Amino acid sequence: MLFTISAGAPYPRNVRAVAANIPGVIQVSWSAPTVPSGELPITGYSIRYKVQNSNVFKYKNAAANSVEDIITGLDLGTTYRAYVAGVNAIGTGPYCCGRTTVTVKTYNGKLHSEQ
């Protein structure tokens, strides 16, 4: 079997972040990328997230069969951006898609997000 050497795994599509029903938690979801024939399979995902206007990222890993995960311990009333990348034996591919922001806060005792 031939494998193509590339700069890492293909990136996931349709990355989305929304506030969960638990304070300080966001749910990140994505569509698994299509791995072209001959490319190395996805072995996991790397989720990176940050406060919207910060340059400091935090990271979390997700399993290869995942299409969603949660990030906990976030500050209420703060806007976050989340990005997801595929990982394979070559390494971590490009991160996608920081256009989605989510504000984690409470409103009348219930968590909601603004996008």
Protein backbone atom coordinates (compact mmCIF):
# COMPACT_ATOMS: atom_id res chain seq x y z
CA MET A 1 0.00 0.00 0.00
CA LEU A 2 1.32 3.44 -0.95
CA PHE A 3 0.93 6.43 1.32
CA THR A 4 1.27 10.04 0.26
CA ILE A 5 3.43 12.26 2.45
CA SER A 6 1.59 15.46 3.31
CA ALA A 7 1.72 18.24 5.89
CA GLY A 8 -0.60 16.42 8.27
CA ALA A 9 -4.19 15.27 8.31
CA PRO A 10 -6.95 16.95 6.28
CA TYR A 11 -8.95 19.45 8.26
CA PRO A 12 -12.51 18.96 9.50
CA ARG A 13 -15.34 21.02 8.02
CA ASN A 14 -18.40 22.70 9.53
CA VAL A 15 -16.75 23.44 12.86
CA ARG A 16 -19.28 24.91 15.26
CA ALA A 17 -19.18 25.96 18.91
CA VAL A 18 -22.27 26.54 21.05
CA ALA A 19 -22.88 27.10 24.74
CA ALA A 20 -23.90 23.92 26.55
CA ASN A 21 -26.62 23.73 29.20
CA ILE A 22 -23.95 23.78 31.92
CA PRO A 23 -22.33 27.07 33.01
CA GLY A 24 -18.78 27.50 31.73
CA VAL A 25 -19.05 24.77 29.07
CA ILE A 26 -19.14 24.93 25.27
CA GLN A 27 -19.79 22.11 22.86
CA VAL A 28 -17.65 21.94 19.74
CA SER A 29 -18.79 19.88 16.76
CA TRP A 30 -17.42 19.22 13.28
CA SER A 31 -17.79 17.08 10.18
CA ALA A 32 -15.06 14.50 9.72
CA PRO A 33 -12.84 15.21 6.70
CA THR A 34 -12.74 12.90 3.73
CA VAL A 35 -9.37 11.20 3.64
CA PRO A 36 -8.26 10.72 0.03
CA SER A 37 -7.23 7.24 -1.08
CA GLY A 38 -3.59 6.64 -0.25
CA GLU A 39 -3.52 9.19 2.60
CA LEU A 40 -2.91 8.21 6.19
CA PRO A 41 -6.07 7.78 8.30
CA ILE A 42 -7.20 10.23 10.97
CA THR A 43 -5.98 9.02 14.37
CA GLY A 44 -7.61 11.80 16.39
CA TYR A 45 -8.45 15.47 16.54
CA SER A 46 -6.85 18.46 18.21
CA ILE A 47 -9.18 21.17 19.50
CA ARG A 48 -7.65 24.52 20.27
CA TYR A 49 -9.57 27.37 21.82
CA LYS A 50 -8.93 30.84 23.14
CA VAL A 51 -10.57 33.94 24.46
CA GLN A 52 -11.58 35.91 21.36
CA ASN A 53 -9.02 38.74 21.61
CA SER A 54 -6.21 36.65 23.12
CA ASN A 55 -3.22 35.07 21.43
CA VAL A 56 -2.98 32.31 24.05
CA PHE A 57 -4.44 28.96 23.00
CA LYS A 58 -5.41 25.99 25.12
CA TYR A 59 -5.59 22.52 23.60
CA LYS A 60 -7.69 19.40 24.00
CA ASN A 61 -7.55 16.06 22.18
CA ALA A 62 -10.52 14.09 20.84
CA ALA A 63 -10.74 10.52 19.57
CA ALA A 64 -10.62 9.64 15.86
CA ASN A 65 -14.27 8.55 15.84
CA SER A 66 -15.46 11.81 17.48
CA VAL A 67 -17.41 14.56 15.75
CA GLU A 68 -18.02 16.57 18.92
CA ASP A 69 -16.50 17.31 22.30
CA ILE A 70 -16.99 19.68 25.22
CA ILE A 71 -14.67 22.27 26.72
CA THR A 72 -15.17 22.93 30.41
CA GLY A 73 -13.97 25.46 32.96
CA LEU A 74 -14.62 28.54 30.84
CA ASP A 75 -15.27 32.01 32.24
CA LEU A 76 -18.86 33.18 32.08
CA GLY A 77 -19.48 36.28 29.99
CA THR A 78 -16.41 35.65 27.87
CA THR A 79 -16.33 35.14 24.10
CA TYR A 80 -14.30 32.16 22.88
CA ARG A 81 -13.16 30.90 19.49
CA ALA A 82 -12.67 27.19 18.81
CA TYR A 83 -10.72 25.49 16.02
CA VAL A 84 -10.37 21.79 15.14
CA ALA A 85 -7.62 19.93 13.27
CA GLY A 86 -7.27 16.34 12.17
CA VAL A 87 -4.28 14.34 13.42
CA ASN A 88 -2.59 11.43 11.64
CA ALA A 89 0.80 9.66 11.79
CA ILE A 90 2.46 12.62 10.01
CA GLY A 91 1.15 15.14 12.54
CA THR A 92 -1.52 17.72 13.15
CA GLY A 93 -3.09 19.22 10.03
CA PRO A 94 -4.35 22.79 9.62
CA TYR A 95 -6.93 24.09 12.09
CA CYS A 96 -10.37 25.03 10.85
CA CYS A 97 -12.50 27.39 11.35
CA GLY A 98 -12.23 30.24 13.79
CA ARG A 99 -15.06 32.29 12.33
CA THR A 100 -17.45 30.84 14.90
CA THR A 101 -17.47 32.54 18.29
CA VAL A 102 -19.48 31.66 21.33
CA THR A 103 -20.14 33.81 24.39
CA VAL A 104 -20.51 31.76 27.55
CA LYS A 105 -22.92 33.45 29.94
CA THR A 106 -26.17 33.12 31.83
CA TYR A 107 -29.48 34.76 31.06
CA ASN A 108 -32.38 34.37 33.49
CA GLY A 109 -30.47 31.49 35.05
CA LYS A 110 -30.02 29.67 31.74
CA LEU A 111 -26.93 29.45 29.60
CA HIS A 112 -27.11 30.64 26.02
CA SER A 113 -24.73 31.58 23.25
CA GLU A 114 -24.44 34.51 20.89
CA GLN A 115 -23.01 33.94 17.45
